[in-house]
C-alpha atoms as a PDB file:
ATOM      1  CA  MET A   1     340.169 188.741 -83.894  1.00  0.00           C
ATOM      2  CA  ARG A   2     340.208 184.993 -84.739  1.00  0.00           C
ATOM      3  CA  CYS A   3     337.030 183.116 -84.383  1.00  0.00           C
ATOM      4  CA  PHE A   4     336.388 179.355 -84.469  1.00  0.00           C
ATOM      5  CA  ARG A   5     333.707 178.949 -87.234  1.00  0.00           C
ATOM      6  CA  PRO A   6     333.044 175.254 -87.747  1.00  0.00           C
ATOM      7  CA  SER A   7     330.442 175.549 -90.706  1.00  0.00           C
ATOM      8  CA  GLY A   8     332.739 177.802 -92.819  1.00  0.00           C
ATOM      9  CA  LEU A   9     335.885 175.525 -92.060  1.00  0.00           C
ATOM     10  CA  PHE A  10     333.908 172.473 -93.123  1.00  0.00           C
ATOM     11  CA  LEU A  11     332.735 174.074 -96.380  1.00  0.00           C
ATOM     12  CA  THR A  12     336.297 174.683 -97.343  1.00  0.00           C
ATOM     13  CA  PHE A  13     337.388 171.242 -96.101  1.00  0.00           C
ATOM     14  CA  ILE A  14     334.659 169.309 -97.866  1.00  0.00           C
ATOM     15  CA  LEU A  15     335.654 171.133-101.333  1.00  0.00           C
ATOM     16  CA  ALA A  16     339.181 170.084-100.492  1.00  0.00           C
ATOM     17  CA  VAL A  17     338.758 166.443 -99.844  1.00  0.00           C
ATOM     18  CA  GLY A  18     335.940 165.614-102.225  1.00  0.00           C
ATOM     19  CA  SER A  19     337.893 162.547-103.543  1.00  0.00           C
ATOM     20  CA  LEU A  20     337.804 160.769-100.409  1.00  0.00           C
ATOM     21  CA  PRO A  21     335.335 157.960 -99.727  1.00  0.00           C
ATOM     22  CA  ALA A  22     332.042 159.241 -98.341  1.00  0.00           C
ATOM     23  CA  GLN A  23     331.953 156.724 -95.420  1.00  0.00           C
ATOM     24  CA  ALA A  24     335.408 157.545 -94.149  1.00  0.00           C
ATOM     25  CA  LEU A  25     335.475 159.546 -90.917  1.00  0.00           C
ATOM     26  CA  THR A  26     337.630 162.423 -91.817  1.00  0.00           C
ATOM     27  CA  VAL A  27     339.453 164.591 -89.019  1.00  0.00           C
ATOM     28  CA  LEU A  28     339.621 168.242 -89.849  1.00  0.00           C
ATOM     29  CA  LYS A  29     343.231 169.474 -89.538  1.00  0.00           C
ATOM     30  CA  PRO A  30     344.705 166.441 -87.850  1.00  0.00           C
ATOM     31  CA  GLU A  31     348.044 168.256 -87.577  1.00  0.00           C
ATOM     32  CA  ALA A  32     346.279 170.522 -84.876  1.00  0.00           C
ATOM     33  CA  ALA A  33     345.749 167.440 -82.687  1.00  0.00           C
ATOM     34  CA  GLN A  34     347.495 168.177 -79.257  1.00  0.00           C
ATOM     35  CA  GLN A  35     346.660 167.617 -75.686  1.00  0.00           C
ATOM     36  CA  GLY A  36     343.734 170.112 -74.719  1.00  0.00           C
ATOM     37  CA  ALA A  37     342.556 170.602 -78.403  1.00  0.00           C
ATOM     38  CA  LEU A  38     338.972 170.596 -79.808  1.00  0.00           C
ATOM     39  CA  LEU A  39     338.791 169.095 -83.305  1.00  0.00           C
ATOM     40  CA  TRP A  40     336.106 168.464 -85.799  1.00  0.00           C
ATOM     41  CA  ALA A  41     335.662 165.465 -88.005  1.00  0.00           C
ATOM     42  CA  GLN A  42     333.136 164.550 -90.762  1.00  0.00           C
ATOM     43  CA  SER A  43     331.084 161.487 -90.612  1.00  0.00           C
ATOM     44  CA  GLN A  44     327.496 160.338 -91.806  1.00  0.00           C
ATOM     45  CA  PRO A  45     324.357 161.445 -89.951  1.00  0.00           C
ATOM     46  CA  SER A  46     323.422 157.793 -89.523  1.00  0.00           C
ATOM     47  CA  ALA A  47     326.864 156.711 -88.077  1.00  0.00           C
ATOM     48  CA  SER A  48     328.018 156.405 -84.554  1.00  0.00           C
ATOM     49  CA  VAL A  49     331.518 157.348 -83.399  1.00  0.00           C
ATOM     50  CA  THR A  50     333.779 156.545 -80.395  1.00  0.00           C
ATOM     51  CA  VAL A  51     336.755 158.460 -79.198  1.00  0.00           C
ATOM     52  CA  SER A  52     339.079 156.247 -76.916  1.00  0.00           C
ATOM     53  CA  GLY A  53     336.063 153.958 -76.531  1.00  0.00           C
ATOM     54  CA  LYS A  54     333.735 156.777 -75.402  1.00  0.00           C
ATOM     55  CA  ALA A  55     330.714 157.449 -77.627  1.00  0.00           C
ATOM     56  CA  VAL A  56     330.426 161.135 -78.837  1.00  0.00           C
ATOM     57  CA  PRO A  57     327.440 162.836 -80.640  1.00  0.00           C
ATOM     58  CA  VAL A  58     327.206 162.850 -84.346  1.00  0.00           C
ATOM     59  CA  LEU A  59     325.307 166.021 -85.506  1.00  0.00           C
ATOM     60  CA  PRO A  60     322.479 165.791 -87.984  1.00  0.00           C
ATOM     61  CA  ASP A  61     324.910 167.091 -90.663  1.00  0.00           C
ATOM     62  CA  GLY A  62     327.442 164.333 -89.821  1.00  0.00           C
ATOM     63  CA  ARG A  63     329.917 166.559 -87.974  1.00  0.00           C
ATOM     64  CA  VAL A  64     331.635 165.139 -84.852  1.00  0.00           C
ATOM     65  CA  ILE A  65     333.526 167.028 -82.207  1.00  0.00           C
ATOM     66  CA  ILE A  66     336.639 165.390 -80.959  1.00  0.00           C
ATOM     67  CA  ALA A  67     337.946 166.712 -77.438  1.00  0.00           C
ATOM     68  CA  LEU A  68     341.230 165.679 -76.420  1.00  0.00           C
ATOM     69  CA  PRO A  69     341.995 165.993 -72.560  1.00  0.00           C
ATOM     70  CA  PHE A  70     345.203 167.597 -71.082  1.00  0.00           C
ATOM     71  CA  ASP A  71     346.783 164.188 -70.543  1.00  0.00           C
ATOM     72  CA  ALA A  72     345.626 162.578 -73.827  1.00  0.00           C
ATOM     73  CA  PRO A  73     348.092 159.763 -74.919  1.00  0.00           C
ATOM     74  CA  ALA A  74     350.157 160.118 -78.062  1.00  0.00           C
ATOM     75  CA  SER A  75     347.855 157.868 -79.905  1.00  0.00           C
ATOM     76  CA  VAL A  76     343.949 158.147 -79.672  1.00  0.00           C
ATOM     77  CA  PRO A  77     341.646 155.447 -81.378  1.00  0.00           C
ATOM     78  CA  LEU A  78     338.678 156.656 -83.365  1.00  0.00           C
ATOM     79  CA  VAL A  79     336.043 154.156 -84.445  1.00  0.00           C
ATOM     80  CA  GLU A  80     333.148 155.050 -86.776  1.00  0.00           C
ATOM     81  CA  THR A  81     330.382 152.450 -87.104  1.00  0.00           C
ATOM     82  CA  LEU A  82     328.113 153.075 -90.284  1.00  0.00           C
ATOM     83  CA  ALA A  83     324.428 152.250 -90.359  1.00  0.00           C
ATOM     84  CA  ASN A  84     325.178 148.853 -92.188  1.00  0.00           C
ATOM     85  CA  GLY A  85     327.435 147.864 -89.255  1.00  0.00           C
ATOM     86  CA  GLN A  86     330.760 148.388 -91.158  1.00  0.00           C
ATOM     87  CA  LYS A  87     333.478 149.786 -88.863  1.00  0.00           C
ATOM     88  CA  GLN A  88     336.149 152.277 -89.830  1.00  0.00           C
ATOM     89  CA  ARG A  89     339.086 152.357 -87.441  1.00  0.00           C
ATOM     90  CA  GLN A  90     341.965 154.895 -87.439  1.00  0.00           C
ATOM     91  CA  THR A  91     344.448 156.469 -84.927  1.00  0.00           C
ATOM     92  CA  LEU A  92     344.866 160.042 -84.245  1.00  0.00           C
ATOM     93  CA  ALA A  93     348.434 161.138 -83.473  1.00  0.00           C
ATOM     94  CA  VAL A  94     348.380 163.654 -80.587  1.00  0.00           C
ATOM     95  CA  LYS A  95     351.121 166.053 -79.753  1.00  0.00           C
ATOM     96  CA  GLN A  96     352.221 165.980 -76.109  1.00  0.00           C
ATOM     97  CA  ARG A  97     352.712 169.296 -74.266  1.00  0.00           C
ATOM     98  CA  GLN A  98     354.882 170.424 -71.369  1.00  0.00           C
ATOM     99  CA  TYR A  99     352.814 172.059 -68.891  1.00  0.00           C
ATOM    100  CA  LYS A 100     353.887 174.901 -66.296  1.00  0.00           C
ATOM    101  CA  VAL A 101     354.002 174.687 -62.539  1.00  0.00           C
ATOM    102  CA  GLU A 102     352.277 177.355 -60.965  1.00  0.00           C
ATOM    103  CA  ARG A 103     352.574 178.320 -57.235  1.00  0.00           C
ATOM    104  CA  ILE A 104     349.927 180.291 -55.610  1.00  0.00           C
ATOM    105  CA  ASP A 105     350.373 181.372 -52.033  1.00  0.00           C
ATOM    106  CA  GLY A 106     348.357 183.334 -49.593  1.00  0.00           C
ATOM    107  CA  LEU A 107     345.048 181.414 -49.967  1.00  0.00           C
ATOM    108  CA  PRO A 108     342.778 180.821 -47.067  1.00  0.00           C
ATOM    109  CA  PRO A 109     343.922 177.587 -45.728  1.00  0.00           C
ATOM    110  CA  GLY A 110     340.280 176.335 -45.599  1.00  0.00           C
ATOM    111  CA  LYS A 111     340.012 176.875 -49.360  1.00  0.00           C
ATOM    112  CA  VAL A 112     343.005 174.647 -50.041  1.00  0.00           C
ATOM    113  CA  THR A 113     342.230 171.845 -47.544  1.00  0.00           C
ATOM    114  CA  PRO A 114     338.704 172.143 -46.158  1.00  0.00           C
ATOM    115  CA  PRO A 115     338.159 171.557 -42.458  1.00  0.00           C
ATOM    116  CA  ARG A 116     336.705 168.208 -41.408  1.00  0.00           C
ATOM    117  CA  ASP A 117     333.105 169.378 -41.247  1.00  0.00           C
ATOM    118  CA  ALA A 118     330.167 167.179 -42.282  1.00  0.00           C
ATOM    119  CA  ALA A 119     328.045 170.217 -43.310  1.00  0.00           C
ATOM    120  CA  LEU A 120     330.783 171.709 -45.315  1.00  0.00           C
ATOM    121  CA  GLN A 121     331.499 168.493 -47.112  1.00  0.00           C
ATOM    122  CA  ALA A 122     327.831 168.156 -47.845  1.00  0.00           C
ATOM    123  CA  ARG A 123     327.780 171.606 -49.340  1.00  0.00           C
ATOM    124  CA  ILE A 124     330.866 170.921 -51.580  1.00  0.00           C
ATOM    125  CA  ASP A 125     329.309 167.652 -52.732  1.00  0.00           C
ATOM    126  CA  ARG A 126     326.142 169.304 -53.564  1.00  0.00           C
ATOM    127  CA  GLU A 127     327.720 172.075 -55.499  1.00  0.00           C
ATOM    128  CA  VAL A 128     329.905 169.762 -57.495  1.00  0.00           C
ATOM    129  CA  ALA A 129     326.806 167.713 -58.420  1.00  0.00           C
ATOM    130  CA  GLU A 130     325.051 170.916 -59.498  1.00  0.00           C
ATOM    131  CA  ILE A 131     327.902 171.639 -61.736  1.00  0.00           C
ATOM    132  CA  LYS A 132     328.009 168.169 -63.192  1.00  0.00           C
ATOM    133  CA  ALA A 133     324.299 168.112 -64.016  1.00  0.00           C
ATOM    134  CA  ALA A 134     324.459 171.658 -65.677  1.00  0.00           C
ATOM    135  CA  ARG A 135     327.313 170.353 -67.867  1.00  0.00           C
ATOM    136  CA  ALA A 136     325.495 167.105 -68.746  1.00  0.00           C
ATOM    137  CA  VAL A 137     322.495 168.957 -70.389  1.00  0.00           C
ATOM    138  CA  MET A 138     322.486 167.727 -74.103  1.00  0.00           C
ATOM    139  CA  THR A 139     320.975 170.629 -76.091  1.00  0.00           C
ATOM    140  CA  PRO A 140     320.489 169.299 -79.655  1.00  0.00           C
ATOM    141  CA  TYR A 141     321.350 172.666 -81.380  1.00  0.00           C
ATOM    142  CA  PRO A 142     324.829 173.705 -82.645  1.00  0.00           C
ATOM    143  CA  LEU A 143     324.871 176.997 -80.891  1.00  0.00           C
ATOM    144  CA  PHE A 144     328.682 176.932 -81.084  1.00  0.00           C
ATOM    145  CA  ASP A 145     328.346 177.615 -84.870  1.00  0.00           C
ATOM    146  CA  THR A 146     328.636 181.329 -84.043  1.00  0.00           C
ATOM    147  CA  GLY A 147     332.247 180.660 -83.292  1.00  0.00           C
ATOM    148  CA  PHE A 148     334.189 181.401 -80.152  1.00  0.00           C
ATOM    149  CA  VAL A 149     335.919 184.596 -79.048  1.00  0.00           C
ATOM    150  CA  TRP A 150     337.603 185.649 -75.796  1.00  0.00           C
ATOM    151  CA  PRO A 151     335.033 186.649 -73.125  1.00  0.00           C
ATOM    152  CA  LEU A 152     337.401 189.429 -72.124  1.00  0.00           C
ATOM    153  CA  THR A 153     340.924 190.347 -72.787  1.00  0.00           C
ATOM    154  CA  GLY A 154     343.809 190.899 -70.343  1.00  0.00           C
ATOM    155  CA  ARG A 155     346.909 189.555 -68.735  1.00  0.00           C
ATOM    156  CA  LEU A 156     347.031 185.758 -68.257  1.00  0.00           C
ATOM    157  CA  SER A 157     347.786 184.817 -64.820  1.00  0.00           C
ATOM    158  CA  GLY A 158     347.112 181.150 -65.243  1.00  0.00           C
ATOM    159  CA  VAL A 159     346.984 178.745 -68.191  1.00  0.00           C
ATOM    160  CA  TYR A 160     345.350 175.457 -69.076  1.00  0.00           C
ATOM    161  CA  GLY A 161     347.045 172.343 -67.789  1.00  0.00           C
ATOM    162  CA  SER A 162     349.407 173.953 -65.298  1.00  0.00           C
ATOM    163  CA  HIS A 163     350.285 171.916 -62.278  1.00  0.00           C
ATOM    164  CA  ARG A 164     348.938 174.011 -59.278  1.00  0.00           C
ATOM    165  CA  VAL A 165     350.849 174.197 -55.975  1.00  0.00           C
ATOM    166  CA  LEU A 166     348.560 175.896 -53.533  1.00  0.00           C
ATOM    167  CA  ASN A 167     350.006 177.194 -50.317  1.00  0.00           C
ATOM    168  CA  GLY A 168     352.761 174.696 -50.818  1.00  0.00           C
ATOM    169  CA  LYS A 169     350.537 171.745 -51.564  1.00  0.00           C
ATOM    170  CA  PRO A 170     350.232 169.956 -54.963  1.00  0.00           C
ATOM    171  CA  LYS A 171     346.815 169.946 -56.258  1.00  0.00           C
ATOM    172  CA  THR A 172     344.932 168.951 -59.420  1.00  0.00           C
ATOM    173  CA  PRO A 173     345.893 170.674 -62.786  1.00  0.00           C
ATOM    174  CA  HIS A 174     344.334 173.855 -63.684  1.00  0.00           C
ATOM    175  CA  TYR A 175     341.789 173.342 -66.390  1.00  0.00           C
ATOM    176  CA  GLY A 176     340.984 176.922 -67.383  1.00  0.00           C
ATOM    177  CA  VAL A 177     342.652 180.257 -68.361  1.00  0.00           C
ATOM    178  CA  ASP A 178     342.832 183.031 -65.761  1.00  0.00           C
ATOM    179  CA  ILE A 179     342.402 186.516 -67.181  1.00  0.00           C
ATOM    180  CA  VAL A 180     343.175 189.348 -64.967  1.00  0.00           C
ATOM    181  CA  GLN A 181     341.004 192.425 -64.891  1.00  0.00           C
ATOM    182  CA  PRO A 182     339.591 194.746 -62.147  1.00  0.00           C
ATOM    183  CA  LYS A 183     336.448 193.923 -60.321  1.00  0.00           C
ATOM    184  CA  GLY A 184     333.331 195.056 -62.302  1.00  0.00           C
ATOM    185  CA  THR A 185     334.826 194.449 -65.707  1.00  0.00           C
ATOM    186  CA  ALA A 186     332.231 193.037 -68.287  1.00  0.00           C
ATOM    187  CA  ILE A 187     332.375 189.424 -69.213  1.00  0.00           C
ATOM    188  CA  ARG A 188     330.814 188.731 -72.630  1.00  0.00           C
ATOM    189  CA  ALA A 189     329.579 185.278 -73.880  1.00  0.00           C
ATOM    190  CA  PRO A 190     332.298 183.787 -75.926  1.00  0.00           C
ATOM    191  CA  ALA A 191     329.538 182.110 -78.312  1.00  0.00           C
ATOM    192  CA  ASP A 192     325.825 181.703 -78.331  1.00  0.00           C
ATOM    193  CA  GLY A 193     324.544 179.754 -75.445  1.00  0.00           C
ATOM    194  CA  VAL A 194     321.877 178.981 -72.891  1.00  0.00           C
ATOM    195  CA  VAL A 195     322.679 179.810 -69.093  1.00  0.00           C
ATOM    196  CA  ARG A 196     322.277 176.480 -67.296  1.00  0.00           C
ATOM    197  CA  LEU A 197     323.591 177.469 -63.935  1.00  0.00           C
ATOM    198  CA  ILE A 198     324.126 180.482 -61.839  1.00  0.00           C
ATOM    199  CA  HIS A 199     325.626 180.073 -58.359  1.00  0.00           C
ATOM    200  CA  ALA A 200     326.630 183.236 -56.423  1.00  0.00           C
ATOM    201  CA  ASP A 201     328.714 181.565 -53.797  1.00  0.00           C
ATOM    202  CA  ASN A 202     330.215 178.285 -54.680  1.00  0.00           C
ATOM    203  CA  TYR A 203     332.656 177.255 -52.038  1.00  0.00           C
ATOM    204  CA  TYR A 204     335.614 176.954 -54.337  1.00  0.00           C
ATOM    205  CA  SER A 205     334.648 178.927 -57.453  1.00  0.00           C
ATOM    206  CA  GLY A 206     332.749 181.570 -55.936  1.00  0.00           C
ATOM    207  CA  GLY A 207     330.278 183.340 -58.502  1.00  0.00           C
ATOM    208  CA  THR A 208     329.990 180.608 -61.159  1.00  0.00           C
ATOM    209  CA  LEU A 209     327.943 180.595 -64.403  1.00  0.00           C
ATOM    210  CA  ILE A 210     327.720 177.898 -66.902  1.00  0.00           C
ATOM    211  CA  LEU A 211     326.885 178.460 -70.542  1.00  0.00           C
ATOM    212  CA  ASP A 212     325.563 175.509 -72.603  1.00  0.00           C
ATOM    213  CA  HIS A 213     326.736 175.956 -76.429  1.00  0.00           C
ATOM    214  CA  GLY A 214     324.977 172.784 -77.579  1.00  0.00           C
ATOM    215  CA  TYR A 215     325.639 169.116 -77.951  1.00  0.00           C
ATOM    216  CA  GLY A 216     327.551 168.875 -74.647  1.00  0.00           C
ATOM    217  CA  LEU A 217     329.942 171.846 -75.256  1.00  0.00           C
ATOM    218  CA  ASN A 218     329.736 174.490 -72.468  1.00  0.00           C
ATOM    219  CA  SER A 219     331.728 177.164 -71.006  1.00  0.00           C
ATOM    220  CA  ALA A 220     332.090 177.824 -67.193  1.00  0.00           C
ATOM    221  CA  PHE A 221     332.971 181.415 -65.737  1.00  0.00           C
ATOM    222  CA  LEU A 222     334.378 181.355 -62.185  1.00  0.00           C
ATOM    223  CA  HIS A 223     335.068 183.831 -59.462  1.00  0.00           C
ATOM    224  CA  MET A 224     332.511 186.204 -60.828  1.00  0.00           C
ATOM    225  CA  GLN A 225     331.158 189.293 -58.861  1.00  0.00           C
ATOM    226  CA  ALA A 226     327.784 189.895 -60.377  1.00  0.00           C
ATOM    227  CA  PHE A 227     325.366 188.218 -62.969  1.00  0.00           C
ATOM    228  CA  HIS A 228     323.454 190.127 -65.626  1.00  0.00           C
ATOM    229  CA  VAL A 229     321.491 187.098 -66.845  1.00  0.00           C
ATOM    230  CA  GLN A 230     319.301 184.374 -65.381  1.00  0.00           C
ATOM    231  CA  GLU A 231     319.205 180.501 -65.513  1.00  0.00           C
ATOM    232  CA  GLY A 232     317.328 179.691 -68.759  1.00  0.00           C
ATOM    233  CA  ASP A 233     318.291 182.781 -70.709  1.00  0.00           C
ATOM    234  CA  TYR A 234     319.387 182.476 -74.347  1.00  0.00           C
ATOM    235  CA  VAL A 235     322.378 184.794 -74.823  1.00  0.00           C
ATOM    236  CA  PRO A 236     324.056 185.665 -78.186  1.00  0.00           C
ATOM    237  CA  GLN A 237     327.865 185.915 -78.622  1.00  0.00           C
ATOM    238  CA  GLY A 238     329.102 189.152 -77.250  1.00  0.00           C
ATOM    239  CA  PHE A 239     326.323 189.618 -74.694  1.00  0.00           C
ATOM    240  CA  VAL A 240     327.373 190.970 -71.264  1.00  0.00           C
ATOM    241  CA  ILE A 241     326.654 187.857 -68.921  1.00  0.00           C
ATOM    242  CA  GLY A 242     328.213 189.512 -65.736  1.00  0.00           C
ATOM    243  CA  THR A 243     331.266 191.078 -64.232  1.00  0.00           C
ATOM    244  CA  VAL A 244     334.777 190.122 -62.926  1.00  0.00           C
ATOM    245  CA  GLY A 245     335.218 189.315 -59.323  1.00  0.00           C
ATOM    246  CA  SER A 246     337.471 187.641 -56.687  1.00  0.00           C
ATOM    247  CA  THR A 247     335.088 185.207 -54.971  1.00  0.00           C
ATOM    248  CA  GLY A 248     335.571 181.733 -53.841  1.00  0.00           C
ATOM    249  CA  ARG A 249     339.293 180.512 -53.875  1.00  0.00           C
ATOM    250  CA  SER A 250     340.928 183.562 -55.306  1.00  0.00           C
ATOM    251  CA  THR A 251     343.766 185.814 -54.440  1.00  0.00           C
ATOM    252  CA  GLY A 252     342.806 188.747 -56.853  1.00  0.00           C
ATOM    253  CA  ALA A 253     340.095 189.900 -59.242  1.00  0.00           C
ATOM    254  CA  HIS A 254     340.146 187.787 -62.385  1.00  0.00           C
ATOM    255  CA  LEU A 255     338.070 185.448 -64.572  1.00  0.00           C
ATOM    256  CA  ASP A 256     338.863 181.790 -64.754  1.00  0.00           C
ATOM    257  CA  TRP A 257     337.237 180.635 -68.096  1.00  0.00           C
ATOM    258  CA  ARG A 258     336.870 176.896 -68.807  1.00  0.00           C
ATOM    259  CA  VAL A 259     335.560 174.908 -71.754  1.00  0.00           C
ATOM    260  CA  THR A 260     334.331 171.334 -71.471  1.00  0.00           C
ATOM    261  CA  TYR A 261     332.874 168.994 -73.953  1.00  0.00           C
ATOM    262  CA  ASN A 262     331.076 165.841 -72.724  1.00  0.00           C
ATOM    263  CA  GLY A 263     333.135 165.840 -69.518  1.00  0.00           C
ATOM    264  CA  VAL A 264     336.403 166.447 -71.302  1.00  0.00           C
ATOM    265  CA  ARG A 265     338.134 169.766 -70.237  1.00  0.00           C
ATOM    266  CA  VAL A 266     339.955 171.392 -73.196  1.00  0.00           C
ATOM    267  CA  ASP A 267     342.029 174.495 -73.485  1.00  0.00           C
ATOM    268  CA  PRO A 268     340.012 177.687 -73.987  1.00  0.00           C
ATOM    269  CA  ALA A 269     342.927 179.314 -75.694  1.00  0.00           C
ATOM    270  CA  LEU A 270     343.135 176.639 -78.269  1.00  0.00           C
ATOM    271  CA  VAL A 271     339.207 176.978 -78.793  1.00  0.00           C
ATOM    272  CA  ALA A 272     339.164 180.896 -79.088  1.00  0.00           C
ATOM    273  CA  GLY A 273     342.561 181.293 -80.836  1.00  0.00           C
ATOM    274  CA  PRO A 274     345.198 183.921 -79.981  1.00  0.00           C
ATOM    275  CA  MET A 275     343.774 186.668 -77.670  1.00  0.00           C
ATOM    276  CA  PRO A 276     343.346 190.012 -79.373  1.00  0.00           C
ATOM    277  CA  GLN A 277     345.807 192.791 -78.514  1.00  0.00           C
END
């Protein structure tokens, strides 16, 4: 089983590039840069870094996470500002991906186009705000250093970045991976984290749980049937957080797993690596 272990990778990387200038922002494995990827770079603890003009956290040891959205352009500007004000600029080449078109029929019409109802719209707006608030929590601990594994295995019925056509109507891209398993199948924490949100009946995503992995990196688990944890709980990698369901906008039992870093939705399959057989 392949795990994403930043600390070990950085140890190897630092040994390999020890001759580089200490002040240079160095991207780990730039050849892995593609739309939807999560990359790592090494800076100085006192530096500040922007990616496409947006400031990103610099960890106490100088590590930097670079999240590339599903529609990232072919060139992404990186700017590192040192404590003395000196700026280091570089451009990251990003591989462009061809995404699938996925057509899903048989959904309740109201889950595709909500009826014009003020109370329902207020509910949807409130639930969206709750999810945004949970994702915005900035926990200053690299809980993700455990690495990432798949929360469960199974057939993939939906992939990241695919263009969704629901009941014949084009919708926004899919930002997660859909893993098919029967209702009641255990879902495990892909990395250490703190439970920031549990919502048993979100209008679109049904049973929803958000797990905070530190420094703005989090996982969302959608369409769940049951929860085995509570908000505020710390859970280690592999701990059972709940079970698979078919709640919310769903046509069958599955888990929709999503990974977000500071508002940028990345591909969970690239974070966790190939699914174990």
